[in-house]
Amino acid sequence: MDRAPGPSVRLRLTLSYAGFLMLAGALLLAAVWLFLLRYVPERALIVPSGTPIRYDVFPVRSNLLRVFAPRAAGVLAFLLVFGLVGGWFLAGRMLAPLTRVTEATRKAANGSLSHRIRLPGRRDEFRELADAFDTMLARLDAHVAEQRRFAANASHELRTPLAISKALLDVARTDPERDTAELLDRLHAVNARAIDLTEALLLVGRAEQRSFEREDVDLSLLAEEATETLLPLAEKHGISLETSGEFAPTTGSETLLLQLTMNLVHNAIVHNAPGGQVWISTAAHPGTVALTVENTGERLSPELAATLTEPFRRGTERVHTDHAGAGLGLAIVQTIAHAHDGTLTLTPRPSGGLRITVELPDAT
């Protein structure tokens, strides 16, 4: 925003300090006049002869004013100069932290998010501002790094099916006698994967922008719907599903929360041991509701579990199915949970498999 130049804050504080100092001096001189000089007689005191006199000199108000006024003016001039110089110095010392914050803001505006203010000293308003600004820079830096990594991974993932389609078409062009049905099947599979990936990316963007209307949603009903929808997939892989829980009301987008539940159950099915089990449960706690999905499978380390929410992380160490997926399942879950002011917790089960819990604010 373009603004007209004006006096600096340091100059205004300096003038304020000097003005208050001058006002205090003027009030002090006025008090001297009001409570002292007004009681001094205006004329010389005539004492009758024979009256005992204790002092030989009797001050006259006009004489005192003639002596007092120049000195009072000198004191006020000194206070003015002292107030300007001292106020300029004190204002500079007080505003020095703001100068560092301003420099950090300019660097951030130019795209540099790696620097920090780290203002030393005990806590006060300036240091709270600097600490809050450092926290904001750290979050922005992490968010930008995540977005860049996500964009790079998305570009790579989208380029793969396009490159495969191009290769298949080139082969078909150079080999007219190739089986057309096989080519079409492979192109259909590659195209379906590209469409699924694009829809997942759009869903992530929609959830991050929080561009949805909030309504009352029961997580237990979503869990039942997701279980019924994915039951054929579970039967195909020999996985048994078990749903339990209680009424778990929250507010948010029913479509996004259903997608969250579907992703959790789907991941629990396809990343499972043959003949394994999946447990889906809901619970209501004071102030929050929870959706928990557990499955069986290989034992996972906490370090590996912590990376499974990263985009395009497929957890190949635990995949035993032919469903590779786009690698966005848990990334979408985490994005939707954060968009609904919730949390996502991944905990490896001691006997193998994973326990995933989503906690959301309740509807009250």
Protein backbone atom coordinates (compact mmCIF):
# COMPACT_ATOMS: atom_id res chain seq x y z
CA MET A 1 0.00 0.00 0.00
CA ASP A 2 1.39 3.40 -1.01
CA ARG A 3 1.28 5.93 1.83
CA ALA A 4 2.33 9.56 2.03
CA PRO A 5 5.55 10.06 4.05
CA GLY A 6 5.06 11.23 7.62
CA PRO A 7 7.03 11.77 10.82
CA SER A 8 8.64 8.69 12.28
CA VAL A 9 7.44 7.07 15.46
CA ARG A 10 10.79 7.85 17.07
CA LEU A 11 10.37 11.57 16.32
CA ARG A 12 6.82 11.59 17.65
CA LEU A 13 7.89 9.80 20.83
CA THR A 14 10.76 12.26 21.25
CA LEU A 15 8.42 15.23 20.93
CA SER A 16 6.04 13.57 23.36
CA TYR A 17 8.80 13.02 25.94
CA ALA A 18 10.02 16.61 25.59
CA GLY A 19 6.47 17.98 25.72
CA PHE A 20 5.64 16.11 28.91
CA LEU A 21 8.92 17.21 30.47
CA MET A 22 8.22 20.84 29.59
CA LEU A 23 4.69 20.53 30.95
CA ALA A 24 6.01 19.10 34.21
CA GLY A 25 8.52 21.96 34.52
CA ALA A 26 5.84 24.56 33.81
CA LEU A 27 3.53 23.01 36.39
CA LEU A 28 6.36 23.06 38.93
CA LEU A 29 7.03 26.76 38.31
CA ALA A 30 3.32 27.50 38.49
CA ALA A 31 3.18 25.70 41.84
CA VAL A 32 6.08 27.87 43.10
CA TRP A 33 4.19 30.99 42.05
CA LEU A 34 0.86 29.82 43.41
CA PHE A 35 2.02 28.61 46.79
CA LEU A 36 5.06 30.81 47.48
CA LEU A 37 5.48 34.07 45.56
CA ARG A 38 1.88 35.14 45.93
CA TYR A 39 2.41 35.55 49.68
CA VAL A 40 5.42 37.87 49.22
CA PRO A 41 4.37 41.52 49.68
CA GLU A 42 4.33 43.74 46.62
CA ARG A 43 5.76 46.76 48.49
CA ALA A 44 8.48 47.31 51.00
CA LEU A 45 7.38 46.74 54.57
CA ILE A 46 7.40 49.90 56.81
CA VAL A 47 8.25 49.11 60.40
CA PRO A 48 7.48 51.71 63.12
CA SER A 49 10.40 52.98 65.09
CA GLY A 50 11.14 51.17 68.24
CA THR A 51 9.74 47.88 66.90
CA PRO A 52 12.24 45.04 67.28
CA ILE A 53 13.22 43.68 63.83
CA ARG A 54 14.62 40.16 63.51
CA TYR A 55 15.77 40.43 59.87
CA ASP A 56 17.29 43.34 58.03
CA VAL A 57 16.04 42.44 54.50
CA PHE A 58 12.39 42.16 53.41
CA PRO A 59 11.90 40.72 49.87
CA VAL A 60 9.56 42.45 47.43
CA ARG A 61 7.55 40.44 44.87
CA SER A 62 8.69 42.54 41.90
CA ASN A 63 12.33 42.03 42.82
CA LEU A 64 11.85 38.28 43.20
CA LEU A 65 10.09 38.03 39.84
CA ARG A 66 12.86 39.99 38.15
CA VAL A 67 15.42 37.57 39.53
CA PHE A 68 13.27 34.42 39.23
CA ALA A 69 11.89 34.79 35.68
CA PRO A 70 15.20 34.58 33.72
CA ARG A 71 16.31 31.59 35.72
CA ALA A 72 12.95 29.88 35.24
CA ALA A 73 13.18 30.47 31.49
CA GLY A 74 16.69 29.02 31.51
CA VAL A 75 15.48 25.94 33.36
CA LEU A 76 12.64 25.48 30.82
CA ALA A 77 15.09 25.81 27.92
CA PHE A 78 17.36 23.23 29.54
CA LEU A 79 14.40 20.90 30.05
CA LEU A 80 13.46 21.32 26.38
CA VAL A 81 16.93 20.43 25.14
CA PHE A 82 17.30 17.62 27.68
CA GLY A 83 13.87 16.25 26.77
CA LEU A 84 14.62 16.26 23.03
CA VAL A 85 18.04 14.62 23.36
CA GLY A 86 17.04 12.18 26.07
CA GLY A 87 13.72 11.40 24.40
CA TRP A 88 15.46 10.70 21.08
CA PHE A 89 17.85 8.31 22.78
CA LEU A 90 15.18 6.55 24.84
CA ALA A 91 12.83 6.25 21.87
CA GLY A 92 15.61 4.68 19.84
CA ARG A 93 16.32 2.15 22.58
CA MET A 94 12.63 1.33 22.98
CA LEU A 95 11.98 0.95 19.24
CA ALA A 96 15.11 -1.08 18.46
CA PRO A 97 13.19 -4.42 18.66
CA LEU A 98 10.62 -3.08 16.20
CA THR A 99 13.45 -2.31 13.78
CA ARG A 100 14.51 -5.96 13.86
CA VAL A 101 10.91 -7.09 13.35
CA THR A 102 10.58 -4.71 10.40
CA GLU A 103 13.77 -6.03 8.79
CA ALA A 104 12.56 -9.61 9.25
CA THR A 105 9.21 -8.69 7.70
CA ARG A 106 10.90 -7.20 4.65
CA LYS A 107 12.99 -10.36 4.21
CA ALA A 108 9.87 -12.49 4.49
CA ALA A 109 8.11 -10.30 1.93
CA ASN A 110 11.01 -10.92 -0.45
CA GLY A 111 10.57 -14.70 -0.08
CA SER A 112 13.13 -15.49 2.63
CA LEU A 113 11.43 -17.58 5.34
CA SER A 114 14.46 -19.27 6.89
CA HIS A 115 15.62 -16.38 9.09
CA ARG A 116 14.38 -15.76 12.67
CA ILE A 117 14.39 -12.69 14.90
CA ARG A 118 15.26 -14.49 18.18
CA LEU A 119 14.98 -11.32 20.25
CA PRO A 120 16.90 -11.75 23.55
CA GLY A 121 15.74 -10.56 26.95
CA ARG A 122 12.84 -11.12 29.29
CA ARG A 123 9.29 -11.33 28.06
CA ASP A 124 7.49 -8.11 27.22
CA GLU A 125 5.18 -6.86 24.45
CA PHE A 126 7.99 -6.51 21.88
CA ARG A 127 9.45 -9.94 22.61
CA GLU A 128 6.00 -11.56 22.48
CA LEU A 129 5.55 -9.96 19.05
CA ALA A 130 8.95 -11.22 17.91
CA ASP A 131 8.28 -14.74 19.22
CA ALA A 132 4.87 -14.82 17.52
CA PHE A 133 6.48 -13.64 14.28
CA ASP A 134 9.17 -16.35 14.54
CA THR A 135 6.47 -18.98 15.08
CA MET A 136 4.58 -17.70 12.04
CA LEU A 137 7.73 -17.80 9.92
CA ALA A 138 8.48 -21.37 11.04
CA ARG A 139 4.97 -22.52 10.12
CA LEU A 140 5.07 -20.71 6.79
CA ASP A 141 8.48 -22.16 6.01
CA ALA A 142 7.29 -25.68 6.81
CA HIS A 143 4.07 -25.16 4.84
CA VAL A 144 5.89 -23.82 1.78
CA ALA A 145 8.41 -26.67 1.92
CA GLU A 146 5.56 -29.16 2.17
CA GLN A 147 3.72 -27.54 -0.73
CA ARG A 148 6.85 -27.60 -2.90
CA ARG A 149 7.46 -31.25 -2.05
CA PHE A 150 3.82 -32.03 -2.72
CA ALA A 151 3.90 -30.21 -6.08
CA ALA A 152 7.07 -32.02 -7.11
CA ASN A 153 5.62 -35.40 -6.13
CA ALA A 154 2.31 -34.61 -7.83
CA SER A 155 4.10 -33.63 -11.02
CA HIS A 156 6.06 -36.86 -10.96
CA GLU A 157 2.98 -38.97 -10.24
CA LEU A 158 0.95 -37.29 -13.00
CA ARG A 159 3.79 -37.56 -15.47
CA THR A 160 4.08 -41.32 -14.97
CA PRO A 161 0.67 -42.32 -16.40
CA LEU A 162 1.04 -39.82 -19.22
CA ALA A 163 4.43 -41.25 -20.14
CA ILE A 164 3.03 -44.78 -20.03
CA SER A 165 0.12 -43.77 -22.27
CA LYS A 166 2.52 -42.16 -24.73
CA ALA A 167 4.71 -45.27 -24.77
CA LEU A 168 1.71 -47.53 -25.38
CA LEU A 169 0.48 -45.34 -28.23
CA ASP A 170 3.96 -45.24 -29.78
CA VAL A 171 4.17 -49.03 -29.64
CA ALA A 172 0.72 -49.34 -31.23
CA ARG A 173 1.72 -46.94 -34.00
CA THR A 174 4.90 -48.84 -34.84
CA ASP A 175 3.29 -52.27 -34.49
CA PRO A 176 -0.11 -52.29 -36.21
CA GLU A 177 -0.51 -56.03 -35.65
CA ARG A 178 -0.40 -55.68 -31.84
CA ASP A 179 -3.47 -56.88 -29.93
CA THR A 180 -5.78 -53.85 -29.75
CA ALA A 181 -7.87 -55.22 -26.88
CA GLU A 182 -4.81 -55.58 -24.65
CA LEU A 183 -3.69 -52.07 -25.56
CA LEU A 184 -7.10 -50.63 -24.73
CA ASP A 185 -7.20 -52.43 -21.39
CA ARG A 186 -3.81 -51.07 -20.41
CA LEU A 187 -4.71 -47.56 -21.56
CA HIS A 188 -7.95 -47.77 -19.61
CA ALA A 189 -6.10 -48.78 -16.44
CA VAL A 190 -3.50 -46.02 -16.85
CA ASN A 191 -6.18 -43.42 -17.55
CA ALA A 192 -8.23 -44.53 -14.54
CA ARG A 193 -5.16 -44.14 -12.33
CA ALA A 194 -4.55 -40.63 -13.67
CA ILE A 195 -8.19 -39.69 -13.02
CA ASP A 196 -8.06 -41.06 -9.46
CA LEU A 197 -4.88 -39.14 -8.77
CA THR A 198 -6.30 -35.90 -10.18
CA GLU A 199 -9.47 -36.24 -8.10
CA ALA A 200 -7.36 -36.89 -4.99
CA LEU A 201 -5.32 -33.76 -5.64
CA LEU A 202 -8.48 -31.69 -6.09
CA LEU A 203 -9.87 -33.11 -2.85
CA VAL A 204 -6.71 -32.18 -0.97
CA GLY A 205 -6.88 -28.62 -2.33
CA ARG A 206 -10.54 -28.28 -1.42
CA ALA A 207 -9.96 -29.49 2.12
CA GLU A 208 -6.94 -27.20 2.63
CA GLN A 209 -8.94 -24.15 1.55
CA ARG A 210 -11.82 -25.14 3.88
CA SER A 211 -14.25 -24.22 1.13
CA PHE A 212 -17.14 -26.23 2.50
CA GLU A 213 -20.30 -25.66 4.50
CA ARG A 214 -20.54 -27.10 8.00
CA GLU A 215 -23.43 -29.28 9.07
CA ASP A 216 -24.18 -31.79 11.81
CA VAL A 217 -22.56 -35.17 11.10
CA ASP A 218 -22.62 -38.46 13.02
CA LEU A 219 -19.33 -40.34 12.65
CA SER A 220 -20.96 -43.63 13.62
CA LEU A 221 -23.27 -43.41 10.59
CA LEU A 222 -20.33 -42.62 8.32
CA ALA A 223 -18.45 -45.62 9.70
CA GLU A 224 -21.41 -47.90 8.93
CA GLU A 225 -21.75 -46.47 5.41
CA ALA A 226 -18.04 -46.89 4.67
CA THR A 227 -18.14 -50.46 5.97
CA GLU A 228 -21.10 -51.39 3.79
CA THR A 229 -19.53 -49.76 0.72
CA LEU A 230 -16.15 -51.47 1.13
CA LEU A 231 -17.45 -54.85 2.28
CA PRO A 232 -17.06 -56.40 -1.23
CA LEU A 233 -13.43 -55.27 -1.35
CA ALA A 234 -12.83 -56.77 2.09
CA GLU A 235 -14.42 -60.06 1.07
CA LYS A 236 -12.28 -60.12 -2.08
CA HIS A 237 -9.13 -59.89 0.05
CA GLY A 238 -10.41 -62.19 2.78
CA ILE A 239 -10.56 -59.40 5.38
CA SER A 240 -13.23 -59.36 8.08
CA LEU A 241 -14.75 -56.00 9.11
CA GLU A 242 -16.16 -55.23 12.55
CA THR A 243 -17.94 -51.98 13.35
CA SER A 244 -18.85 -50.80 16.83
CA GLY A 245 -19.21 -47.61 18.80
CA GLU A 246 -21.63 -44.95 19.93
CA PHE A 247 -23.25 -41.78 18.70
CA ALA A 248 -20.42 -39.36 17.78
CA PRO A 249 -21.80 -35.98 16.65
CA THR A 250 -19.56 -33.35 15.09
CA THR A 251 -19.87 -30.50 12.58
CA GLY A 252 -18.30 -30.25 9.15
CA SER A 253 -18.64 -31.43 5.59
CA GLU A 254 -20.41 -34.78 5.42
CA THR A 255 -18.82 -35.48 2.02
CA LEU A 256 -15.27 -34.83 3.22
CA LEU A 257 -15.73 -36.71 6.50
CA LEU A 258 -17.17 -39.66 4.58
CA GLN A 259 -14.12 -39.55 2.30
CA LEU A 260 -11.92 -39.51 5.42
CA THR A 261 -13.68 -42.59 6.78
CA MET A 262 -13.59 -44.38 3.42
CA ASN A 263 -9.86 -43.76 3.08
CA LEU A 264 -9.15 -45.10 6.56
CA VAL A 265 -11.18 -48.26 6.04
CA HIS A 266 -9.83 -48.74 2.51
CA ASN A 267 -6.23 -48.43 3.70
CA ALA A 268 -6.91 -50.83 6.55
CA ILE A 269 -8.18 -53.40 4.04
CA VAL A 270 -5.55 -53.16 1.31
CA HIS A 271 -2.63 -52.80 3.75
CA ASN A 272 -3.42 -55.91 5.70
CA ALA A 273 -2.27 -59.48 6.07
CA PRO A 274 -4.17 -62.22 4.18
CA GLY A 275 -7.20 -63.24 6.25
CA GLY A 276 -6.69 -60.27 8.56
CA GLN A 277 -9.18 -58.14 10.46
CA VAL A 278 -10.27 -54.50 10.55
CA TRP A 279 -12.00 -52.85 13.54
CA ILE A 280 -13.89 -49.56 13.11
CA SER A 281 -15.18 -47.83 16.24
CA THR A 282 -16.50 -44.42 17.28
CA ALA A 283 -16.56 -42.80 20.71
CA ALA A 284 -17.68 -39.55 22.32
CA HIS A 285 -15.51 -37.79 24.90
CA PRO A 286 -15.98 -34.47 26.71
CA GLY A 287 -15.55 -31.87 23.98
CA THR A 288 -14.40 -34.31 21.27
CA VAL A 289 -15.49 -37.31 19.25
CA ALA A 290 -13.18 -40.00 17.94
CA LEU A 291 -13.10 -42.38 14.98
CA THR A 292 -10.66 -45.29 15.36
CA VAL A 293 -9.67 -47.78 12.65
CA GLU A 294 -7.38 -50.70 13.48
CA ASN A 295 -6.07 -53.51 11.30
CA THR A 296 -3.77 -56.49 11.49
CA GLY A 297 -0.58 -56.94 9.54
CA GLU A 298 3.16 -56.69 9.93
CA ARG A 299 4.71 -54.90 12.86
CA LEU A 300 5.54 -51.28 12.10
CA SER A 301 8.13 -49.08 13.74
CA PRO A 302 7.02 -45.69 15.13
CA GLU A 303 9.43 -44.00 12.68
CA LEU A 304 7.73 -45.63 9.68
CA ALA A 305 4.25 -44.90 11.03
CA ALA A 306 5.13 -41.21 11.39
CA THR A 307 5.91 -40.96 7.65
CA LEU A 308 2.74 -42.60 6.35
CA THR A 309 0.81 -39.31 6.23
CA GLU A 310 3.28 -37.81 3.79
CA PRO A 311 1.86 -37.40 0.27
CA PHE A 312 2.62 -40.27 -2.14
CA ARG A 313 3.97 -42.39 0.69
CA ARG A 314 2.54 -45.82 -0.11
CA GLY A 315 4.18 -47.79 2.65
CA THR A 316 5.51 -50.40 0.26
CA GLU A 317 7.08 -52.20 3.18
CA ARG A 318 3.62 -53.35 4.24
CA VAL A 319 1.75 -53.69 0.94
CA HIS A 320 0.77 -57.21 -0.03
CA THR A 321 -1.94 -56.42 -2.60
CA ASP A 322 -2.10 -55.48 -6.19
CA HIS A 323 -3.73 -52.18 -5.32
CA ALA A 324 -0.89 -49.67 -5.35
CA GLY A 325 -3.07 -46.58 -4.92
CA ALA A 326 -2.03 -42.99 -5.46
CA GLY A 327 -0.23 -42.62 -2.16
CA LEU A 328 -2.59 -39.86 -0.99
CA GLY A 329 -4.95 -41.83 1.27
CA LEU A 330 -3.61 -40.81 4.68
CA ALA A 331 -2.46 -37.42 3.36
CA ILE A 332 -6.09 -36.69 2.46
CA VAL A 333 -7.22 -37.96 5.87
CA GLN A 334 -4.79 -35.66 7.64
CA THR A 335 -5.78 -32.67 5.51
CA ILE A 336 -9.50 -33.23 6.11
CA ALA A 337 -8.93 -33.71 9.84
CA HIS A 338 -6.95 -30.47 10.10
CA ALA A 339 -9.57 -28.63 8.04
CA HIS A 340 -12.13 -29.69 10.66
CA ASP A 341 -9.86 -28.56 13.54
CA GLY A 342 -9.10 -32.17 14.42
CA THR A 343 -6.06 -34.37 14.95
CA LEU A 344 -4.79 -37.59 13.37
CA THR A 345 -2.81 -40.09 15.43
CA LEU A 346 -1.05 -43.19 14.04
CA THR A 347 0.03 -45.83 16.55
CA PRO A 348 1.61 -49.19 15.62
CA ARG A 349 -0.12 -52.13 17.29
CA PRO A 350 2.18 -54.38 19.36
CA SER A 351 0.83 -57.49 17.64
CA GLY A 352 1.16 -55.96 14.17
CA GLY A 353 -0.85 -53.55 12.09
CA LEU A 354 -1.81 -49.98 12.78
CA ARG A 355 -4.26 -48.06 14.95
CA ILE A 356 -5.41 -44.74 13.44
CA THR A 357 -7.49 -42.32 15.51
CA VAL A 358 -9.14 -39.14 14.27
CA GLU A 359 -10.36 -36.74 16.97
CA LEU A 360 -12.75 -33.92 16.05
CA PRO A 361 -14.57 -31.28 18.09
CA ASP A 362 -18.03 -32.40 19.13
CA ALA A 363 -21.18 -30.70 17.89
CA THR A 364 -22.01 -29.03 21.22
